[in-house]
Every structure is written in C-alpha cells, then in structure tokens.
Protein backbone atom coordinates (compact mmCIF):
# COMPACT_ATOMS: atom_id res chain seq x y z
CA MET A 1 -56.21 77.74 94.46
CA LYS A 2 -59.09 79.53 96.20
CA ASN A 3 -58.25 82.37 98.55
CA LYS A 4 -57.75 81.46 102.21
CA ARG A 5 -61.06 82.88 103.33
CA ASP A 6 -63.07 80.76 100.88
CA ILE A 7 -61.10 77.62 101.83
CA ILE A 8 -61.82 78.17 105.52
CA ALA A 9 -65.49 78.94 104.85
CA GLY A 10 -65.87 75.63 103.00
CA SER A 11 -64.61 73.51 105.90
CA PHE A 12 -66.99 71.69 108.23
CA LEU A 13 -64.80 72.80 111.12
CA PHE A 14 -65.71 76.45 110.60
CA GLU A 15 -69.25 75.99 109.35
CA GLY A 16 -71.65 78.72 110.43
CA ILE A 17 -69.15 81.21 111.84
CA SER A 18 -69.54 84.89 111.04
CA SER A 19 -67.93 86.80 108.20
CA SER A 20 -65.69 88.73 110.60
CA GLN A 21 -64.53 85.46 112.21
CA LEU A 22 -63.66 84.06 108.79
CA THR A 23 -61.61 87.16 108.11
CA GLU A 24 -59.74 86.80 111.41
CA LEU A 25 -59.00 83.12 110.75
CA SER A 26 -57.76 83.99 107.28
CA LYS A 27 -55.40 86.59 108.72
CA ILE A 28 -53.68 84.19 111.11
CA SER A 29 -53.44 81.22 108.71
CA VAL A 30 -50.39 80.48 106.57
CA VAL A 31 -50.31 78.54 103.28
CA LYS A 32 -47.70 75.78 103.14
CA THR A 33 -46.78 73.75 100.06
CA VAL A 34 -45.76 70.11 100.60
CA ARG A 35 -44.08 67.56 98.35
CA ARG A 36 -45.18 63.96 98.03
CA GLY A 37 -43.76 62.02 100.96
CA GLU A 38 -42.77 65.16 102.87
CA THR A 39 -43.13 64.97 106.66
CA VAL A 40 -45.47 67.61 108.06
CA PHE A 41 -44.57 66.83 111.66
CA PHE A 42 -42.97 64.00 113.65
CA GLU A 43 -44.34 62.24 116.70
CA GLY A 44 -43.03 64.14 119.72
CA ASP A 45 -42.75 67.52 117.97
CA ASP A 46 -44.18 70.48 119.85
CA ALA A 47 -47.76 71.19 118.75
CA VAL A 48 -47.21 74.82 117.77
CA GLY A 49 -50.35 74.82 115.62
CA PHE A 50 -52.62 72.65 113.52
CA TYR A 51 -53.26 72.18 109.81
CA MET A 52 -56.03 71.90 107.25
CA VAL A 53 -55.64 70.12 103.92
CA VAL A 54 -56.27 72.42 100.94
CA GLU A 55 -55.02 70.18 98.14
CA GLY A 56 -53.79 66.58 98.18
CA GLN A 57 -53.91 64.09 101.06
CA VAL A 58 -52.10 63.67 104.36
CA LYS A 59 -51.71 60.48 106.39
CA ILE A 60 -51.38 60.27 110.16
CA PHE A 61 -49.39 57.22 111.25
CA LYS A 62 -47.39 55.51 113.97
CA ILE A 63 -44.23 53.43 113.61
CA SER A 64 -43.60 50.43 115.88
CA LEU A 65 -40.23 49.61 117.44
CA GLU A 66 -39.83 46.98 114.70
CA GLY A 67 -40.31 49.66 112.04
CA ARG A 68 -43.81 48.63 111.02
CA GLU A 69 -46.06 51.49 109.95
CA GLN A 70 -49.73 51.69 110.96
CA THR A 71 -51.85 54.33 109.28
CA LEU A 72 -54.38 55.88 111.66
CA HIS A 73 -56.10 58.45 109.47
CA ILE A 74 -56.00 59.82 105.95
CA PHE A 75 -57.28 63.36 105.45
CA GLY A 76 -58.26 65.18 102.27
CA PRO A 77 -59.27 68.71 101.24
CA GLY A 78 -61.17 70.67 103.89
CA GLU A 79 -60.19 68.34 106.75
CA PRO A 80 -58.11 69.59 109.71
CA PHE A 81 -55.46 67.50 111.47
CA GLY A 82 -53.16 67.88 114.44
CA GLU A 83 -55.71 70.03 116.28
CA VAL A 84 -56.11 68.03 119.50
CA PRO A 85 -52.55 68.52 120.89
CA VAL A 86 -52.91 72.24 120.22
CA PHE A 87 -55.52 72.50 122.98
CA HIS A 88 -53.82 70.48 125.70
CA GLY A 89 -50.33 71.76 124.89
CA ARG A 90 -48.71 68.34 124.53
CA PRO A 91 -46.53 67.13 121.64
CA PHE A 92 -47.99 65.52 118.53
CA PRO A 93 -48.77 61.84 119.34
CA ALA A 94 -48.12 60.56 115.80
CA HIS A 95 -46.38 61.40 112.52
CA ALA A 96 -47.99 63.24 109.58
CA ALA A 97 -46.79 63.05 105.98
CA ALA A 98 -48.10 64.15 102.59
CA LEU A 99 -49.34 61.35 100.35
CA SER A 100 -49.16 63.63 97.34
CA LYS A 101 -48.00 67.06 96.32
CA GLY A 102 -50.39 69.57 97.86
CA LYS A 103 -51.10 72.63 99.95
CA LEU A 104 -51.98 73.05 103.62
CA LEU A 105 -53.24 75.88 105.80
CA PHE A 106 -51.37 76.26 109.07
CA PHE A 107 -53.08 77.84 112.10
CA PRO A 108 -50.61 78.94 114.83
CA ARG A 109 -51.61 77.74 118.30
CA THR A 110 -51.37 81.02 120.25
CA GLU A 111 -53.31 83.11 117.75
CA PHE A 112 -55.95 80.42 117.22
CA ILE A 113 -56.63 79.90 120.93
CA GLY A 114 -57.00 83.67 121.26
CA LEU A 115 -59.74 83.57 118.61
CA VAL A 116 -61.49 80.65 120.30
CA HIS A 117 -61.67 82.60 123.58
CA THR A 118 -63.54 85.42 121.85
CA ASN A 119 -65.56 83.18 119.49
CA PRO A 120 -66.96 80.15 121.39
CA SER A 121 -68.84 78.94 118.29
CA ILE A 122 -65.50 77.82 116.82
CA ALA A 123 -64.96 75.55 119.84
CA LEU A 124 -68.47 74.07 119.47
CA ASN A 125 -67.76 73.21 115.83
CA MET A 126 -64.51 71.55 116.84
CA LEU A 127 -66.30 69.45 119.48
CA ALA A 128 -68.81 68.24 116.87
CA MET A 129 -66.03 67.34 114.44
CA LEU A 130 -63.94 65.57 117.07
CA SER A 131 -66.97 63.57 118.20
CA MET A 132 -67.59 62.40 114.62
CA ARG A 133 -63.91 61.55 114.21
CA LEU A 134 -63.88 59.59 117.48
CA ARG A 135 -66.77 57.42 116.28
CA ARG A 136 -64.91 56.71 113.05
CA PHE A 137 -61.71 55.86 114.94
CA THR A 138 -63.59 53.59 117.35
CA THR A 139 -64.98 51.66 114.38
CA GLN A 140 -61.48 51.35 112.92
CA ILE A 141 -60.09 49.97 116.19
CA GLU A 142 -62.97 47.49 116.36
CA HIS A 143 -62.21 46.28 112.84
CA LEU A 144 -58.49 45.92 113.56
CA SER A 145 -58.96 44.04 116.81
CA LEU A 146 -62.03 41.88 116.12
CA LYS A 147 -62.02 41.14 112.40
CA GLU A 148 -59.74 39.20 110.11
CA VAL A 149 -58.25 41.08 107.15
CA PRO A 150 -61.01 40.06 104.65
CA GLY A 151 -63.60 41.42 107.07
CA ARG A 152 -61.68 44.68 107.43
CA LEU A 153 -61.51 45.10 103.66
CA ALA A 154 -65.20 44.26 103.25
CA SER A 155 -66.15 46.80 105.93
CA HIS A 156 -63.97 49.45 104.31
CA LEU A 157 -65.51 48.91 100.87
CA LEU A 158 -69.02 49.14 102.33
CA TYR A 159 -68.01 52.27 104.23
CA LEU A 160 -66.69 53.87 101.03
CA CYS A 161 -69.89 52.94 99.24
CA LYS A 162 -71.88 54.80 101.90
CA GLU A 163 -69.54 57.79 101.95
CA GLN A 164 -69.39 58.13 98.16
CA LYS A 165 -73.12 57.53 97.84
CA GLY A 166 -72.56 55.04 95.05
CA ALA A 167 -75.05 52.25 94.41
CA ASP A 168 -72.58 49.41 93.99
CA GLN A 169 -69.37 51.10 92.93
CA VAL A 170 -66.59 52.83 94.86
CA THR A 171 -63.36 54.54 93.95
CA LEU A 172 -60.29 53.95 96.11
CA ASP A 173 -59.06 57.40 97.12
CA ILE A 174 -55.65 56.17 98.34
CA PRO A 175 -53.01 53.82 96.88
CA LYS A 176 -53.43 50.14 97.76
CA GLY A 177 -50.21 50.21 99.75
CA GLN A 178 -51.65 52.91 102.00
CA LEU A 179 -54.95 51.03 102.19
CA ALA A 180 -53.05 47.97 103.43
CA SER A 181 -51.45 50.05 106.19
CA LEU A 182 -54.84 51.54 107.12
CA LEU A 183 -56.29 48.03 107.43
CA GLY A 184 -53.33 46.73 109.42
CA THR A 185 -51.98 44.27 106.86
CA SER A 186 -49.32 43.95 104.16
CA PRO A 187 -49.78 44.97 100.49
CA GLU A 188 -49.19 41.34 99.47
CA THR A 189 -51.94 40.04 101.75
CA LEU A 190 -54.33 42.74 100.58
CA SER A 191 -53.64 41.86 96.94
CA ARG A 192 -54.39 38.19 97.62
CA ILE A 193 -57.71 39.07 99.27
CA PHE A 194 -58.69 41.35 96.39
CA ALA A 195 -57.85 38.52 93.96
CA LYS A 196 -59.85 35.97 95.97
CA MET A 197 -62.90 38.24 96.17
CA ARG A 198 -62.64 38.87 92.45
CA GLU A 199 -62.34 35.15 91.63
CA GLU A 200 -65.38 34.38 93.79
CA GLY A 201 -67.46 36.98 91.97
CA ILE A 202 -67.89 39.24 94.99
CA ILE A 203 -66.21 42.30 93.46
CA GLN A 204 -64.86 43.49 90.13
CA VAL A 205 -61.67 45.54 90.09
CA GLN A 206 -60.76 48.02 87.36
CA GLY A 207 -57.84 50.12 88.56
CA LYS A 208 -59.11 52.23 91.45
CA VAL A 209 -62.76 51.48 90.71
CA ILE A 210 -64.30 48.59 92.68
CA THR A 211 -67.74 47.27 91.72
CA LEU A 212 -69.62 45.38 94.43
CA LEU A 213 -71.15 42.42 92.59
CA ASP A 214 -72.45 40.57 95.65
CA ARG A 215 -73.14 42.95 98.52
CA GLU A 216 -74.71 40.21 100.69
CA ARG A 217 -71.58 38.06 100.61
CA LEU A 218 -69.44 41.14 101.25
CA GLN A 219 -71.54 41.99 104.30
CA ALA A 220 -71.20 38.39 105.49
CA PHE A 221 -67.48 38.91 105.99
C-alpha cells in the first residue's frame, strides 16, 4: 500500500492543495482495514469523521421497513464517502459496508474541520466533488423513477462505456447482485434482462465483460 500522503495526493478531493496541507492531512488520517461485508457505519450513527477508499469498494445503502436494500452509491479507490454529515453535524443518513476486503483512510471530524478553516482550498475542492456527485445522483433518481428496469440497465451500460472510455466493451466493477440493488431490481429480474438482451443480439456477456453489439438499440431503451 502507498503511504498515506501519496494516497491523499492522488484523490480528486485534495487535488491542487499544497505540500504542507498534504502533510497535515496525512497526520490526522488513520488507516482502517475492513473485511468483506463489514459495516463501516450504520444509518443514525454519529458522523465523527469521514472516509476515503484506499483499496476495495464500499457501498452506501438504505434498508426499507420491509427489509429491502437499495444501493445508493458504490465507491472505489480514491473516492471519499460520509463527508456531508461531517459538516452539518448530523448522523449518517445511510449505511456503509465493504463489498470486499480493503483499506480505508479515516479523517476525524474535529481535526479535519480545523484544517478546512485554515485551508479554504480544501473546501472548494469538496464543493466541486459534491456538485459532480449530485449530478450523478440526480441521474440515478431519474432512472429509478422514470425508466423501466431494461432502460436502467441500458443507461448504466452506456454510462460505464463512457466512464471506462471503451469503444463497445465494458467491465462490470461490482457483482451482479449489487448491480441489481443499484438499479432498484432483483438479481433474478436483472438476469432475465441480461439474457433477453443477449438473445436479441444487443449485447454479448462473458463473465464481467459486456460487449455492446448494437448501441443504437441499447440507446433506444
């Protein structure tokens, strides 16, 4: 694993801050190791600090009264999570759990806010990141509320294609069960849609690798 300073320097959240600021952030951060499936925090826990993924993936999710899980976000290396409640002092509004064995950096709330007061550029970076994340979340809500499940899957595959900068091929970065939760459906329904798209010659599936054979039909969804 890289040292803490290099990890922090490589994150979009802290892009462009000075060498001395990186050193201060490194001093207050704590490395935490997580097991697959381990809860990082529960909804309602006090937001005593926020986290950044170093290795592995973390999902942010809600659980309905009926016990149904809805994934809201999935974060990978270099991405922070749980930072918003830290600023307004309220509890975490959702659960966070590790999707795989990994490592996190923890930034304690009191020490971090002290750094922000003396280094406003950190706050500006956070505003830019939160704005980008809000746009992504707005798109997700639109897909969940206005599109049927095939349309949600089609949009997600096209989004991955853009993010991964692949011509007509994407790699699923999360298990299909988690993808189903992210798209607001069941694993069984998602499997049926994958099979239907494959049978109709729209996509080809080889494990985690999805080839987009007919992008026009996929966009039509």
